[in-house]
Each structure stands twice: as structure tokens, then as C-alpha cells.
Amino acid sequence: MKFKVNKDLCIGCGACQATAPDVFEIGDDGFAFCKLDDASKDLIEDATDAKEGCPTDAIEEVNE
């Protein structure tokens, strides 16, 4: 499963990185990004928790 961070909505609070550090990171620009092209099954639960916990709903699941 793929996840994407909408930088127009991201405030760089770091909640996603704290919840799913193997999936999300705060970049040099101060905004979060997804470090993986595709989250493995063992990381999907953490990534989904980060998505649900994002205060600005900046994280999206990308189904291709």
C-alpha cells in the first residue's frame, strides 16, 4: 500500500514520524514525506495509525 503526504496540508508537526518512523520522516523543508514507495504489510498498521492521527488529514492512501 502506498501513502502520500499532501504538503499543502502538512504543518510538519511530526506526529506521523512519531507513530510510523519507518514510513514517514520530516524533510529538510520542515514537511513530512513518505520514505517508502510501497509500505510492506508489517508497516501498514503503523502507517494507517499515522494517517488517522494526522491533525490536518495530510496523509492519503494511494491505491493504484
PDB file of N, CA and C in Angstrom:
ATOM      1  N   MET A   1       0.849  -1.173   0.000  1.00  0.00           N
ATOM      2  CA  MET A   1       0.000   0.000   0.000  1.00  0.00           C
ATOM      3  C   MET A   1       0.892   1.232   0.000  1.00  0.00           C
ATOM      4  N   LYS A   2       0.477   2.230  -0.746  1.00  0.00           N
ATOM      5  CA  LYS A   2       1.245   3.460  -0.838  1.00  0.00           C
ATOM      6  C   LYS A   2       0.572   4.572  -0.042  1.00  0.00           C
ATOM      7  N   PHE A   3       1.400   5.436   0.518  1.00  0.00           N
ATOM      8  CA  PHE A   3       0.915   6.592   1.256  1.00  0.00           C
ATOM      9  C   PHE A   3       1.584   7.830   0.690  1.00  0.00           C
ATOM     10  N   LYS A   4       0.864   8.939   0.739  1.00  0.00           N
ATOM     11  CA  LYS A   4       1.370  10.199   0.202  1.00  0.00           C
ATOM     12  C   LYS A   4       1.024  11.303   1.202  1.00  0.00           C
ATOM     13  N   VAL A   5       1.926  12.254   1.355  1.00  0.00           N
ATOM     14  CA  VAL A   5       1.687  13.401   2.225  1.00  0.00           C
ATOM     15  C   VAL A   5       1.409  14.618   1.345  1.00  0.00           C
ATOM     16  N   ASN A   6       0.272  15.235   1.571  1.00  0.00           N
ATOM     17  CA  ASN A   6      -0.087  16.461   0.863  1.00  0.00           C
ATOM     18  C   ASN A   6       0.612  17.625   1.573  1.00  0.00           C
ATOM     19  N   LYS A   7       1.641  18.170   0.945  1.00  0.00           N
ATOM     20  CA  LYS A   7       2.435  19.231   1.581  1.00  0.00           C
ATOM     21  C   LYS A   7       1.664  20.539   1.723  1.00  0.00           C
ATOM     22  N   ASP A   8       0.577  20.688   0.980  1.00  0.00           N
ATOM     23  CA  ASP A   8      -0.260  21.879   1.140  1.00  0.00           C
ATOM     24  C   ASP A   8      -1.022  21.840   2.458  1.00  0.00           C
ATOM     25  N   LEU A   9      -1.230  20.638   2.996  1.00  0.00           N
ATOM     26  CA  LEU A   9      -1.959  20.480   4.259  1.00  0.00           C
ATOM     27  C   LEU A   9      -1.029  20.221   5.443  1.00  0.00           C
ATOM     28  N   CYS A  10       0.145  19.671   5.185  1.00  0.00           N
ATOM     29  CA  CYS A  10       1.079  19.295   6.254  1.00  0.00           C
ATOM     30  C   CYS A  10       1.574  20.536   6.997  1.00  0.00           C
ATOM     31  N   ILE A  11       1.615  20.417   8.335  1.00  0.00           N
ATOM     32  CA  ILE A  11       2.146  21.504   9.164  1.00  0.00           C
ATOM     33  C   ILE A  11       3.488  21.117   9.804  1.00  0.00           C
ATOM     34  N   GLY A  12       3.963  19.913   9.487  1.00  0.00           N
ATOM     35  CA  GLY A  12       5.263  19.472   9.984  1.00  0.00           C
ATOM     36  C   GLY A  12       5.312  19.207  11.467  1.00  0.00           C
ATOM     37  N   CYS A  13       4.194  18.788  12.047  1.00  0.00           N
ATOM     38  CA  CYS A  13       4.149  18.575  13.500  1.00  0.00           C
ATOM     39  C   CYS A  13       4.923  17.339  13.945  1.00  0.00           C
ATOM     40  N   GLY A  14       5.150  16.383  13.034  1.00  0.00           N
ATOM     41  CA  GLY A  14       5.932  15.200  13.355  1.00  0.00           C
ATOM     42  C   GLY A  14       5.148  14.047  13.951  1.00  0.00           C
ATOM     43  N   ALA A  15       3.838  14.168  14.043  1.00  0.00           N
ATOM     44  CA  ALA A  15       3.027  13.082  14.612  1.00  0.00           C
ATOM     45  C   ALA A  15       3.168  11.810  13.787  1.00  0.00           C
ATOM     46  N   CYS A  16       3.214  11.936  12.478  1.00  0.00           N
ATOM     47  CA  CYS A  16       3.331  10.752  11.622  1.00  0.00           C
ATOM     48  C   CYS A  16       4.677  10.067  11.823  1.00  0.00           C
ATOM     49  N   GLN A  17       5.727  10.857  11.922  1.00  0.00           N
ATOM     50  CA  GLN A  17       7.058  10.296  12.134  1.00  0.00           C
ATOM     51  C   GLN A  17       7.144   9.603  13.492  1.00  0.00           C
ATOM     52  N   ALA A  18       6.497  10.163  14.498  1.00  0.00           N
ATOM     53  CA  ALA A  18       6.496   9.549  15.824  1.00  0.00           C
ATOM     54  C   ALA A  18       5.715   8.243  15.833  1.00  0.00           C
ATOM     55  N   THR A  19       4.645   8.182  15.054  1.00  0.00           N
ATOM     56  CA  THR A  19       3.792   6.995  15.014  1.00  0.00           C
ATOM     57  C   THR A  19       4.361   5.916  14.103  1.00  0.00           C
ATOM     58  N   ALA A  20       4.892   6.305  12.965  1.00  0.00           N
ATOM     59  CA  ALA A  20       5.399   5.352  11.975  1.00  0.00           C
ATOM     60  C   ALA A  20       6.753   5.819  11.430  1.00  0.00           C
ATOM     61  N   PRO A  21       7.806   5.756  12.255  1.00  0.00           N
ATOM     62  CA  PRO A  21       9.104   6.276  11.835  1.00  0.00           C
ATOM     63  C   PRO A  21       9.743   5.519  10.671  1.00  0.00           C
ATOM     64  N   ASP A  22       9.310   4.291  10.432  1.00  0.00           N
ATOM     65  CA  ASP A  22       9.838   3.535   9.297  1.00  0.00           C
ATOM     66  C   ASP A  22       9.170   3.930   7.989  1.00  0.00           C
ATOM     67  N   VAL A  23       8.082   4.701   8.083  1.00  0.00           N
ATOM     68  CA  VAL A  23       7.319   5.082   6.898  1.00  0.00           C
ATOM     69  C   VAL A  23       7.431   6.582   6.605  1.00  0.00           C
ATOM     70  N   PHE A  24       7.343   7.408   7.640  1.00  0.00           N
ATOM     71  CA  PHE A  24       7.314   8.864   7.448  1.00  0.00           C
ATOM     72  C   PHE A  24       8.506   9.536   8.104  1.00  0.00           C
ATOM     73  N   GLU A  25       8.891  10.661   7.522  1.00  0.00           N
ATOM     74  CA  GLU A  25      10.007  11.440   8.046  1.00  0.00           C
ATOM     75  C   GLU A  25       9.733  12.918   7.751  1.00  0.00           C
ATOM     76  N   ILE A  26      10.275  13.774   8.594  1.00  0.00           N
ATOM     77  CA  ILE A  26      10.194  15.214   8.346  1.00  0.00           C
ATOM     78  C   ILE A  26      11.440  15.595   7.537  1.00  0.00           C
ATOM     79  N   GLY A  27      11.205  16.192   6.378  1.00  0.00           N
ATOM     80  CA  GLY A  27      12.303  16.562   5.487  1.00  0.00           C
ATOM     81  C   GLY A  27      12.962  17.870   5.883  1.00  0.00           C
ATOM     82  N   ASP A  28      13.988  18.201   5.162  1.00  0.00           N
ATOM     83  CA  ASP A  28      14.729  19.442   5.405  1.00  0.00           C
ATOM     84  C   ASP A  28      13.848  20.673   5.223  1.00  0.00           C
ATOM     85  N   ASP A  29      12.767  20.511   4.446  1.00  0.00           N
ATOM     86  CA  ASP A  29      11.845  21.632   4.220  1.00  0.00           C
ATOM     87  C   ASP A  29      10.838  21.811   5.360  1.00  0.00           C
ATOM     88  N   GLY A  30      10.891  20.908   6.365  1.00  0.00           N
ATOM     89  CA  GLY A  30      10.006  21.011   7.519  1.00  0.00           C
ATOM     90  C   GLY A  30       8.680  20.296   7.357  1.00  0.00           C
ATOM     91  N   PHE A  31       8.493  19.616   6.236  1.00  0.00           N
ATOM     92  CA  PHE A  31       7.249  18.901   5.987  1.00  0.00           C
ATOM     93  C   PHE A  31       7.507  17.402   5.918  1.00  0.00           C
ATOM     94  N   ALA A  32       6.475  16.634   6.235  1.00  0.00           N
ATOM     95  CA  ALA A  32       6.587  15.176   6.216  1.00  0.00           C
ATOM     96  C   ALA A  32       6.582  14.651   4.789  1.00  0.00           C
ATOM     97  N   PHE A  33       7.182  13.486   4.640  1.00  0.00           N
ATOM     98  CA  PHE A  33       7.113  12.759   3.381  1.00  0.00           C
ATOM     99  C   PHE A  33       7.157  11.266   3.678  1.00  0.00           C
ATOM    100  N   CYS A  34       6.669  10.481   2.748  1.00  0.00           N
ATOM    101  CA  CYS A  34       6.685   9.038   2.864  1.00  0.00           C
ATOM    102  C   CYS A  34       8.026   8.544   2.350  1.00  0.00           C
ATOM    103  N   LYS A  35       8.742   7.790   3.165  1.00  0.00           N
ATOM    104  CA  LYS A  35      10.067   7.307   2.811  1.00  0.00           C
ATOM    105  C   LYS A  35      10.026   6.081   1.900  1.00  0.00           C
ATOM    106  N   LEU A  36       8.867   5.447   1.787  1.00  0.00           N
ATOM    107  CA  LEU A  36       8.757   4.192   1.045  1.00  0.00           C
ATOM    108  C   LEU A  36       7.890   4.339  -0.191  1.00  0.00           C
ATOM    109  N   ASP A  37       8.270   3.655  -1.241  1.00  0.00           N
ATOM    110  CA  ASP A  37       7.415   3.615  -2.433  1.00  0.00           C
ATOM    111  C   ASP A  37       6.165   2.785  -2.163  1.00  0.00           C
ATOM    112  N   ASP A  38       6.321   1.760  -1.337  1.00  0.00           N
ATOM    113  CA  ASP A  38       5.205   0.874  -1.025  1.00  0.00           C
ATOM    114  C   ASP A  38       5.420   0.322   0.381  1.00  0.00           C
ATOM    115  N   ALA A  39       4.486   0.573   1.289  1.00  0.00           N
ATOM    116  CA  ALA A  39       4.605   0.099   2.666  1.00  0.00           C
ATOM    117  C   ALA A  39       4.324  -1.400   2.715  1.00  0.00           C
ATOM    118  N   SER A  40       5.217  -2.145   3.319  1.00  0.00           N
ATOM    119  CA  SER A  40       5.032  -3.590   3.444  1.00  0.00           C
ATOM    120  C   SER A  40       3.909  -3.878   4.444  1.00  0.00           C
ATOM    121  N   LYS A  41       3.435  -5.095   4.404  1.00  0.00           N
ATOM    122  CA  LYS A  41       2.295  -5.481   5.250  1.00  0.00           C
ATOM    123  C   LYS A  41       2.549  -5.217   6.722  1.00  0.00           C
ATOM    124  N   ASP A  42       3.778  -5.404   7.176  1.00  0.00           N
ATOM    125  CA  ASP A  42       4.076  -5.201   8.591  1.00  0.00           C
ATOM    126  C   ASP A  42       4.105  -3.725   8.994  1.00  0.00           C
ATOM    127  N   LEU A  43       4.131  -2.817   8.019  1.00  0.00           N
ATOM    128  CA  LEU A  43       4.148  -1.381   8.320  1.00  0.00           C
ATOM    129  C   LEU A  43       2.811  -0.691   8.051  1.00  0.00           C
ATOM    130  N   ILE A  44       1.894  -1.383   7.407  1.00  0.00           N
ATOM    131  CA  ILE A  44       0.617  -0.766   7.032  1.00  0.00           C
ATOM    132  C   ILE A  44      -0.176  -0.312   8.253  1.00  0.00           C
ATOM    133  N   GLU A  45      -0.183  -1.090   9.316  1.00  0.00           N
ATOM    134  CA  GLU A  45      -0.950  -0.704  10.505  1.00  0.00           C
ATOM    135  C   GLU A  45      -0.409   0.594  11.118  1.00  0.00           C
ATOM    136  N   ASP A  46       0.917   0.699  11.236  1.00  0.00           N
ATOM    137  CA  ASP A  46       1.516   1.926  11.775  1.00  0.00           C
ATOM    138  C   ASP A  46       1.236   3.114  10.856  1.00  0.00           C
ATOM    139  N   ALA A  47       1.373   2.903   9.539  1.00  0.00           N
ATOM    140  CA  ALA A  47       1.129   3.981   8.582  1.00  0.00           C
ATOM    141  C   ALA A  47      -0.334   4.431   8.626  1.00  0.00           C
ATOM    142  N   THR A  48      -1.243   3.485   8.767  1.00  0.00           N
ATOM    143  CA  THR A  48      -2.664   3.819   8.859  1.00  0.00           C
ATOM    144  C   THR A  48      -2.947   4.578  10.155  1.00  0.00           C
ATOM    145  N   ASP A  49      -2.313   4.170  11.247  1.00  0.00           N
ATOM    146  CA  ASP A  49      -2.466   4.901  12.515  1.00  0.00           C
ATOM    147  C   ASP A  49      -1.958   6.333  12.364  1.00  0.00           C
ATOM    148  N   ALA A  50      -0.842   6.505  11.663  1.00  0.00           N
ATOM    149  CA  ALA A  50      -0.304   7.849  11.426  1.00  0.00           C
ATOM    150  C   ALA A  50      -1.273   8.671  10.588  1.00  0.00           C
ATOM    151  N   LYS A  51      -1.844   8.060   9.568  1.00  0.00           N
ATOM    152  CA  LYS A  51      -2.821   8.740   8.712  1.00  0.00           C
ATOM    153  C   LYS A  51      -4.016   9.206   9.538  1.00  0.00           C
ATOM    154  N   GLU A  52      -4.529   8.325  10.366  1.00  0.00           N
ATOM    155  CA  GLU A  52      -5.701   8.646  11.188  1.00  0.00           C
ATOM    156  C   GLU A  52      -5.378   9.673  12.265  1.00  0.00           C
ATOM    157  N   GLY A  53      -4.112   9.722  12.703  1.00  0.00           N
ATOM    158  CA  GLY A  53      -3.715  10.648  13.751  1.00  0.00           C
ATOM    159  C   GLY A  53      -3.223  11.997  13.256  1.00  0.00           C
ATOM    160  N   CYS A  54      -3.132  12.151  11.945  1.00  0.00           N
ATOM    161  CA  CYS A  54      -2.647  13.424  11.394  1.00  0.00           C
ATOM    162  C   CYS A  54      -3.658  14.531  11.686  1.00  0.00           C
ATOM    163  N   PRO A  55      -3.239  15.595  12.362  1.00  0.00           N
ATOM    164  CA  PRO A  55      -4.194  16.641  12.749  1.00  0.00           C
ATOM    165  C   PRO A  55      -4.756  17.448  11.578  1.00  0.00           C
ATOM    166  N   THR A  56      -4.104  17.380  10.424  1.00  0.00           N
ATOM    167  CA  THR A  56      -4.592  18.145   9.272  1.00  0.00           C
ATOM    168  C   THR A  56      -5.067  17.249   8.129  1.00  0.00           C
ATOM    169  N   ASP A  57      -5.132  15.946   8.366  1.00  0.00           N
ATOM    170  CA  ASP A  57      -5.539  14.976   7.333  1.00  0.00           C
ATOM    171  C   ASP A  57      -4.683  15.094   6.077  1.00  0.00           C
ATOM    172  N   ALA A  58      -3.387  15.288   6.263  1.00  0.00           N
ATOM    173  CA  ALA A  58      -2.480  15.472   5.122  1.00  0.00           C
ATOM    174  C   ALA A  58      -2.018  14.160   4.492  1.00  0.00           C
ATOM    175  N   ILE A  59      -2.249  13.047   5.169  1.00  0.00           N
ATOM    176  CA  ILE A  59      -1.787  11.762   4.653  1.00  0.00           C
ATOM    177  C   ILE A  59      -2.916  11.053   3.929  1.00  0.00           C
ATOM    178  N   GLU A  60      -2.583  10.568   2.740  1.00  0.00           N
ATOM    179  CA  GLU A  60      -3.570   9.876   1.907  1.00  0.00           C
ATOM    180  C   GLU A  60      -3.053   8.485   1.566  1.00  0.00           C
ATOM    181  N   GLU A  61      -3.979   7.534   1.455  1.00  0.00           N
ATOM    182  CA  GLU A  61      -3.638   6.230   0.892  1.00  0.00           C
ATOM    183  C   GLU A  61      -3.758   6.357  -0.612  1.00  0.00           C
ATOM    184  N   VAL A  62      -2.782   5.821  -1.316  1.00  0.00           N
ATOM    185  CA  VAL A  62      -2.805   5.866  -2.770  1.00  0.00           C
ATOM    186  C   VAL A  62      -2.994   4.449  -3.281  1.00  0.00           C
ATOM    187  N   ASN A  63      -4.133   4.211  -3.914  1.00  0.00           N
ATOM    188  CA  ASN A  63      -4.416   2.890  -4.478  1.00  0.00           C
ATOM    189  C   ASN A  63      -4.273   2.967  -5.990  1.00  0.00           C
ATOM    190  N   GLU A  64      -3.248   2.288  -6.486  1.00  0.00           N
ATOM    191  CA  GLU A  64      -3.022   2.306  -7.935  1.00  0.00           C
ATOM    192  C   GLU A  64      -3.210   0.926  -8.497  1.00  0.00           C
TER     193      GLU A  64
END
